Amino acid sequence: MAQSLNSKVDLTIKATSFAGLSTNGNVMVGNKAFEFYNERNVEDCIQIPWDTIDRVEASVLFKYFSICDFYK
């Protein structure tokens, strides 16, 4: 079972990951990490701790947004 790095979640939203093949899931933004969990297989997750991120860039177009880059 995948273990979340966050102890408190500030935002959960449906999202699509384009790392390799596109997969649908949920993004969780919390106090310790930015996390993506695949809706079909929660073991297929992306966890990025906040201490490894310096800057996040996003685009907002017609009520939808996409996260472009994480910078360290």
PDB file of N, CA and C in Angstrom:
ATOM      1  N   MET A   1       0.844  -1.178   0.000  1.00  0.00           N
ATOM      2  CA  MET A   1       0.000   0.000   0.000  1.00  0.00           C
ATOM      3  C   MET A   1       0.888   1.239   0.000  1.00  0.00           C
ATOM      4  N   ALA A   2       0.591   2.166  -0.848  1.00  0.00           N
ATOM      5  CA  ALA A   2       1.351   3.413  -0.925  1.00  0.00           C
ATOM      6  C   ALA A   2       1.093   4.250   0.325  1.00  0.00           C
ATOM      7  N   GLN A   3       2.155   4.809   0.876  1.00  0.00           N
ATOM      8  CA  GLN A   3       2.054   5.628   2.081  1.00  0.00           C
ATOM      9  C   GLN A   3       2.250   7.088   1.701  1.00  0.00           C
ATOM     10  N   SER A   4       1.314   7.936   2.073  1.00  0.00           N
ATOM     11  CA  SER A   4       1.410   9.361   1.785  1.00  0.00           C
ATOM     12  C   SER A   4       2.498   9.992   2.640  1.00  0.00           C
ATOM     13  N   LEU A   5       3.212  10.965   2.063  1.00  0.00           N
ATOM     14  CA  LEU A   5       4.215  11.718   2.814  1.00  0.00           C
ATOM     15  C   LEU A   5       3.573  12.823   3.649  1.00  0.00           C
ATOM     16  N   ASN A   6       2.347  13.207   3.293  1.00  0.00           N
ATOM     17  CA  ASN A   6       1.659  14.317   3.955  1.00  0.00           C
ATOM     18  C   ASN A   6       0.956  13.859   5.225  1.00  0.00           C
ATOM     19  N   SER A   7       0.962  14.715   6.225  1.00  0.00           N
ATOM     20  CA  SER A   7       0.147  14.473   7.416  1.00  0.00           C
ATOM     21  C   SER A   7      -1.114  15.341   7.378  1.00  0.00           C
ATOM     22  N   LYS A   8      -1.124  16.373   6.518  1.00  0.00           N
ATOM     23  CA  LYS A   8      -2.281  17.243   6.333  1.00  0.00           C
ATOM     24  C   LYS A   8      -2.390  17.550   4.842  1.00  0.00           C
ATOM     25  N   VAL A   9      -3.590  17.401   4.279  1.00  0.00           N
ATOM     26  CA  VAL A   9      -3.817  17.649   2.849  1.00  0.00           C
ATOM     27  C   VAL A   9      -4.571  18.965   2.692  1.00  0.00           C
ATOM     28  N   ASP A  10      -4.015  19.884   1.860  1.00  0.00           N
ATOM     29  CA  ASP A  10      -4.638  21.175   1.614  1.00  0.00           C
ATOM     30  C   ASP A  10      -5.540  21.167   0.395  1.00  0.00           C
ATOM     31  N   LEU A  11      -5.221  20.340  -0.610  1.00  0.00           N
ATOM     32  CA  LEU A  11      -5.987  20.321  -1.857  1.00  0.00           C
ATOM     33  C   LEU A  11      -5.910  18.940  -2.481  1.00  0.00           C
ATOM     34  N   THR A  12      -7.045  18.427  -2.932  1.00  0.00           N
ATOM     35  CA  THR A  12      -7.109  17.197  -3.726  1.00  0.00           C
ATOM     36  C   THR A  12      -7.925  17.512  -4.965  1.00  0.00           C
ATOM     37  N   ILE A  13      -7.379  17.138  -6.139  1.00  0.00           N
ATOM     38  CA  ILE A  13      -8.040  17.439  -7.395  1.00  0.00           C
ATOM     39  C   ILE A  13      -7.737  16.342  -8.405  1.00  0.00           C
ATOM     40  N   LYS A  14      -8.698  16.057  -9.288  1.00  0.00           N
ATOM     41  CA  LYS A  14      -8.474  15.082 -10.360  1.00  0.00           C
ATOM     42  C   LYS A  14      -7.449  15.639 -11.331  1.00  0.00           C
ATOM     43  N   ALA A  15      -6.581  14.752 -11.846  1.00  0.00           N
ATOM     44  CA  ALA A  15      -5.504  15.194 -12.722  1.00  0.00           C
ATOM     45  C   ALA A  15      -5.102  14.068 -13.668  1.00  0.00           C
ATOM     46  N   THR A  16      -4.308  14.417 -14.669  1.00  0.00           N
ATOM     47  CA  THR A  16      -3.738  13.455 -15.606  1.00  0.00           C
ATOM     48  C   THR A  16      -2.225  13.616 -15.593  1.00  0.00           C
ATOM     49  N   SER A  17      -1.533  12.498 -15.424  1.00  0.00           N
ATOM     50  CA  SER A  17      -0.070  12.502 -15.460  1.00  0.00           C
ATOM     51  C   SER A  17       0.379  12.133 -16.865  1.00  0.00           C
ATOM     52  N   PHE A  18       1.327  12.907 -17.392  1.00  0.00           N
ATOM     53  CA  PHE A  18       1.876  12.624 -18.713  1.00  0.00           C
ATOM     54  C   PHE A  18       3.312  12.123 -18.603  1.00  0.00           C
ATOM     55  N   ALA A  19       3.666  11.501 -17.490  1.00  0.00           N
ATOM     56  CA  ALA A  19       4.985  10.887 -17.314  1.00  0.00           C
ATOM     57  C   ALA A  19       4.918   9.501 -17.952  1.00  0.00           C
ATOM     58  N   GLY A  20       5.499   9.354 -19.132  1.00  0.00           N
ATOM     59  CA  GLY A  20       5.352   8.109 -19.885  1.00  0.00           C
ATOM     60  C   GLY A  20       3.995   8.114 -20.563  1.00  0.00           C
ATOM     61  N   LEU A  21       3.200   7.078 -20.342  1.00  0.00           N
ATOM     62  CA  LEU A  21       1.833   7.052 -20.868  1.00  0.00           C
ATOM     63  C   LEU A  21       0.938   7.899 -19.970  1.00  0.00           C
ATOM     64  N   SER A  22      -0.111   8.467 -20.520  1.00  0.00           N
ATOM     65  CA  SER A  22      -0.999   9.298 -19.706  1.00  0.00           C
ATOM     66  C   SER A  22      -1.845   8.413 -18.793  1.00  0.00           C
ATOM     67  N   THR A  23      -1.946   8.819 -17.536  1.00  0.00           N
ATOM     68  CA  THR A  23      -2.753   8.102 -16.551  1.00  0.00           C
ATOM     69  C   THR A  23      -3.595   9.101 -15.772  1.00  0.00           C
ATOM     70  N   ASN A  24      -4.812   8.708 -15.458  1.00  0.00           N
ATOM     71  CA  ASN A  24      -5.717   9.545 -14.677  1.00  0.00           C
ATOM     72  C   ASN A  24      -5.573   9.211 -13.205  1.00  0.00           C
ATOM     73  N   GLY A  25      -5.748  10.229 -12.376  1.00  0.00           N
ATOM     74  CA  GLY A  25      -5.645  10.012 -10.943  1.00  0.00           C
ATOM     75  C   GLY A  25      -5.972  11.261 -10.171  1.00  0.00           C
ATOM     76  N   ASN A  26      -5.407  11.367  -8.991  1.00  0.00           N
ATOM     77  CA  ASN A  26      -5.646  12.505  -8.103  1.00  0.00           C
ATOM     78  C   ASN A  26      -4.330  13.130  -7.680  1.00  0.00           C
ATOM     79  N   VAL A  27      -4.308  14.454  -7.656  1.00  0.00           N
ATOM     80  CA  VAL A  27      -3.171  15.204  -7.120  1.00  0.00           C
ATOM     81  C   VAL A  27      -3.531  15.621  -5.705  1.00  0.00           C
ATOM     82  N   MET A  28      -2.597  15.401  -4.796  1.00  0.00           N
ATOM     83  CA  MET A  28      -2.768  15.834  -3.414  1.00  0.00           C
ATOM     84  C   MET A  28      -1.649  16.806  -3.084  1.00  0.00           C
ATOM     85  N   VAL A  29      -2.017  18.002  -2.646  1.00  0.00           N
ATOM     86  CA  VAL A  29      -1.049  19.006  -2.212  1.00  0.00           C
ATOM     87  C   VAL A  29      -1.195  19.108  -0.699  1.00  0.00           C
ATOM     88  N   GLY A  30      -0.111  18.813  -0.013  1.00  0.00           N
ATOM     89  CA  GLY A  30      -0.170  18.807   1.444  1.00  0.00           C
ATOM     90  C   GLY A  30       0.960  19.577   2.079  1.00  0.00           C
ATOM     91  N   ASN A  31       1.138  19.363   3.366  1.00  0.00           N
ATOM     92  CA  ASN A  31       2.136  20.116   4.118  1.00  0.00           C
ATOM     93  C   ASN A  31       3.559  19.628   3.875  1.00  0.00           C
ATOM     94  N   LYS A  32       3.756  18.401   3.372  1.00  0.00           N
ATOM     95  CA  LYS A  32       5.112  17.878   3.191  1.00  0.00           C
ATOM     96  C   LYS A  32       5.457  17.492   1.765  1.00  0.00           C
ATOM     97  N   ALA A  33       4.452  17.343   0.872  1.00  0.00           N
ATOM     98  CA  ALA A  33       4.764  16.863  -0.478  1.00  0.00           C
ATOM     99  C   ALA A  33       3.647  17.179  -1.469  1.00  0.00           C
ATOM    100  N   PHE A  34       4.023  17.113  -2.756  1.00  0.00           N
ATOM    101  CA  PHE A  34       3.100  17.153  -3.889  1.00  0.00           C
ATOM    102  C   PHE A  34       3.012  15.715  -4.374  1.00  0.00           C
ATOM    103  N   GLU A  35       1.797  15.147  -4.401  1.00  0.00           N
ATOM    104  CA  GLU A  35       1.646  13.727  -4.711  1.00  0.00           C
ATOM    105  C   GLU A  35       0.605  13.505  -5.797  1.00  0.00           C
ATOM    106  N   PHE A  36       0.881  12.539  -6.670  1.00  0.00           N
ATOM    107  CA  PHE A  36      -0.073  12.086  -7.676  1.00  0.00           C
ATOM    108  C   PHE A  36      -0.285  10.593  -7.472  1.00  0.00           C
ATOM    109  N   TYR A  37      -1.552  10.177  -7.364  1.00  0.00           N
ATOM    110  CA  TYR A  37      -1.897   8.767  -7.220  1.00  0.00           C
ATOM    111  C   TYR A  37      -2.765   8.334  -8.389  1.00  0.00           C
ATOM    112  N   ASN A  38      -2.364   7.260  -9.070  1.00  0.00           N
ATOM    113  CA  ASN A  38      -3.127   6.675 -10.164  1.00  0.00           C
ATOM    114  C   ASN A  38      -4.447   6.154  -9.610  1.00  0.00           C
ATOM    115  N   GLU A  39      -5.570   6.442 -10.278  1.00  0.00           N
ATOM    116  CA  GLU A  39      -6.873   6.026  -9.756  1.00  0.00           C
ATOM    117  C   GLU A  39      -7.093   4.524  -9.888  1.00  0.00           C
ATOM    118  N   ARG A  40      -6.387   3.850 -10.782  1.00  0.00           N
ATOM    119  CA  ARG A  40      -6.556   2.406 -10.948  1.00  0.00           C
ATOM    120  C   ARG A  40      -5.595   1.600 -10.084  1.00  0.00           C
ATOM    121  N   ASN A  41      -4.417   2.157  -9.813  1.00  0.00           N
ATOM    122  CA  ASN A  41      -3.398   1.455  -9.035  1.00  0.00           C
ATOM    123  C   ASN A  41      -2.686   2.485  -8.155  1.00  0.00           C
ATOM    124  N   VAL A  42      -3.034   2.535  -6.883  1.00  0.00           N
ATOM    125  CA  VAL A  42      -2.458   3.555  -5.994  1.00  0.00           C
ATOM    126  C   VAL A  42      -0.974   3.337  -5.741  1.00  0.00           C
ATOM    127  N   GLU A  43      -0.458   2.135  -6.031  1.00  0.00           N
ATOM    128  CA  GLU A  43       0.982   1.892  -5.909  1.00  0.00           C
ATOM    129  C   GLU A  43       1.760   2.636  -6.987  1.00  0.00           C
ATOM    130  N   ASP A  44       1.089   2.989  -8.092  1.00  0.00           N
ATOM    131  CA  ASP A  44       1.696   3.763  -9.172  1.00  0.00           C
ATOM    132  C   ASP A  44       1.516   5.237  -8.821  1.00  0.00           C
ATOM    133  N   CYS A  45       2.453   5.779  -8.058  1.00  0.00           N
ATOM    134  CA  CYS A  45       2.309   7.144  -7.555  1.00  0.00           C
ATOM    135  C   CYS A  45       3.582   7.947  -7.804  1.00  0.00           C
ATOM    136  N   ILE A  46       3.430   9.263  -7.768  1.00  0.00           N
ATOM    137  CA  ILE A  46       4.552  10.198  -7.864  1.00  0.00           C
ATOM    138  C   ILE A  46       4.510  11.045  -6.599  1.00  0.00           C
ATOM    139  N   GLN A  47       5.601  11.048  -5.845  1.00  0.00           N
ATOM    140  CA  GLN A  47       5.673  11.821  -4.615  1.00  0.00           C
ATOM    141  C   GLN A  47       6.902  12.726  -4.688  1.00  0.00           C
ATOM    142  N   ILE A  48       6.680  14.034  -4.578  1.00  0.00           N
ATOM    143  CA  ILE A  48       7.765  15.005  -4.638  1.00  0.00           C
ATOM    144  C   ILE A  48       7.732  15.826  -3.347  1.00  0.00           C
ATOM    145  N   PRO A  49       8.711  15.623  -2.463  1.00  0.00           N
ATOM    146  CA  PRO A  49       8.754  16.397  -1.209  1.00  0.00           C
ATOM    147  C   PRO A  49       9.006  17.882  -1.485  1.00  0.00           C
ATOM    148  N   TRP A  50       8.400  18.744  -0.666  1.00  0.00           N
ATOM    149  CA  TRP A  50       8.533  20.188  -0.860  1.00  0.00           C
ATOM    150  C   TRP A  50       9.976  20.669  -0.702  1.00  0.00           C
ATOM    151  N   ASP A  51      10.793  20.003   0.085  1.00  0.00           N
ATOM    152  CA  ASP A  51      12.164  20.476   0.267  1.00  0.00           C
ATOM    153  C   ASP A  51      13.038  20.253  -0.965  1.00  0.00           C
ATOM    154  N   THR A  52      12.537  19.527  -1.971  1.00  0.00           N
ATOM    155  CA  THR A  52      13.281  19.354  -3.225  1.00  0.00           C
ATOM    156  C   THR A  52      12.789  20.296  -4.319  1.00  0.00           C
ATOM    157  N   ILE A  53      11.774  21.124  -4.016  1.00  0.00           N
ATOM    158  CA  ILE A  53      11.172  22.020  -5.007  1.00  0.00           C
ATOM    159  C   ILE A  53      11.473  23.464  -4.624  1.00  0.00           C
ATOM    160  N   ASP A  54      12.017  24.228  -5.566  1.00  0.00           N
ATOM    161  CA  ASP A  54      12.254  25.659  -5.346  1.00  0.00           C
ATOM    162  C   ASP A  54      11.129  26.504  -5.917  1.00  0.00           C
ATOM    163  N   ARG A  55      10.583  26.092  -7.071  1.00  0.00           N
ATOM    164  CA  ARG A  55       9.590  26.909  -7.770  1.00  0.00           C
ATOM    165  C   ARG A  55       8.655  25.996  -8.561  1.00  0.00           C
ATOM    166  N   VAL A  56       7.369  26.361  -8.636  1.00  0.00           N
ATOM    167  CA  VAL A  56       6.377  25.642  -9.435  1.00  0.00           C
ATOM    168  C   VAL A  56       5.771  26.637 -10.413  1.00  0.00           C
ATOM    169  N   GLU A  57       5.712  26.262 -11.694  1.00  0.00           N
ATOM    170  CA  GLU A  57       5.083  27.103 -12.711  1.00  0.00           C
ATOM    171  C   GLU A  57       3.844  26.398 -13.231  1.00  0.00           C
ATOM    172  N   ALA A  58       2.774  27.173 -13.427  1.00  0.00           N
ATOM    173  CA  ALA A  58       1.519  26.600 -13.916  1.00  0.00           C
ATOM    174  C   ALA A  58       0.876  27.551 -14.916  1.00  0.00           C
ATOM    175  N   SER A  59       0.082  26.993 -15.812  1.00  0.00           N
ATOM    176  CA  SER A  59      -0.682  27.777 -16.775  1.00  0.00           C
ATOM    177  C   SER A  59      -2.163  27.601 -16.468  1.00  0.00           C
ATOM    178  N   VAL A  60      -2.914  28.692 -16.540  1.00  0.00           N
ATOM    179  CA  VAL A  60      -4.360  28.637 -16.327  1.00  0.00           C
ATOM    180  C   VAL A  60      -5.035  29.092 -17.612  1.00  0.00           C
ATOM    181  N   LEU A  61      -5.830  28.201 -18.197  1.00  0.00           N
ATOM    182  CA  LEU A  61      -6.525  28.487 -19.444  1.00  0.00           C
ATOM    183  C   LEU A  61      -7.983  28.062 -19.321  1.00  0.00           C
ATOM    184  N   PHE A  62      -8.905  28.989 -19.412  1.00  0.00           N
ATOM    185  CA  PHE A  62     -10.330  28.693 -19.439  1.00  0.00           C
ATOM    186  C   PHE A  62     -10.767  27.789 -18.290  1.00  0.00           C
ATOM    187  N   LYS A  63     -10.453  28.154 -17.062  1.00  0.00           N
ATOM    188  CA  LYS A  63     -10.819  27.461 -15.832  1.00  0.00           C
ATOM    189  C   LYS A  63     -10.012  26.197 -15.577  1.00  0.00           C
ATOM    190  N   TYR A  64      -9.167  25.781 -16.484  1.00  0.00           N
ATOM    191  CA  TYR A  64      -8.344  24.592 -16.299  1.00  0.00           C
ATOM    192  C   TYR A  64      -6.892  25.013 -16.159  1.00  0.00           C
ATOM    193  N   PHE A  65      -6.109  24.238 -15.441  1.00  0.00           N
ATOM    194  CA  PHE A  65      -4.701  24.591 -15.302  1.00  0.00           C
ATOM    195  C   PHE A  65      -3.837  23.374 -15.560  1.00  0.00           C
ATOM    196  N   SER A  66      -2.610  23.638 -15.940  1.00  0.00           N
ATOM    197  CA  SER A  66      -1.635  22.565 -16.104  1.00  0.00           C
ATOM    198  C   SER A  66      -0.336  23.013 -15.445  1.00  0.00           C
ATOM    199  N   ILE A  67       0.273  22.106 -14.726  1.00  0.00           N
ATOM    200  CA  ILE A  67       1.544  22.399 -14.080  1.00  0.00           C
ATOM    201  C   ILE A  67       2.641  22.098 -15.084  1.00  0.00           C
ATOM    202  N   CYS A  68       3.417  23.113 -15.387  1.00  0.00           N
ATOM    203  CA  CYS A  68       4.429  22.975 -16.422  1.00  0.00           C
ATOM    204  C   CYS A  68       5.721  22.377 -15.896  1.00  0.00           C
ATOM    205  N   ASP A  69       6.260  22.914 -14.835  1.00  0.00           N
ATOM    206  CA  ASP A  69       7.584  22.498 -14.387  1.00  0.00           C
ATOM    207  C   ASP A  69       7.744  22.613 -12.877  1.00  0.00           C
ATOM    208  N   PHE A  70       8.588  21.750 -12.357  1.00  0.00           N
ATOM    209  CA  PHE A  70       9.080  21.857 -10.995  1.00  0.00           C
ATOM    210  C   PHE A  70      10.559  22.165 -11.108  1.00  0.00           C
ATOM    211  N   TYR A  71      11.052  23.081 -10.315  1.00  0.00           N
ATOM    212  CA  TYR A  71      12.463  23.474 -10.408  1.00  0.00           C
ATOM    213  C   TYR A  71      13.162  23.224  -9.089  1.00  0.00           C
ATOM    214  N   LYS A  72      14.377  22.751  -9.179  1.00  0.00           N
ATOM    215  CA  LYS A  72      15.243  22.596  -8.013  1.00  0.00           C
ATOM    216  C   LYS A  72      16.545  23.296  -8.315  1.00  0.00           C
TER     217      LYS A  72
END
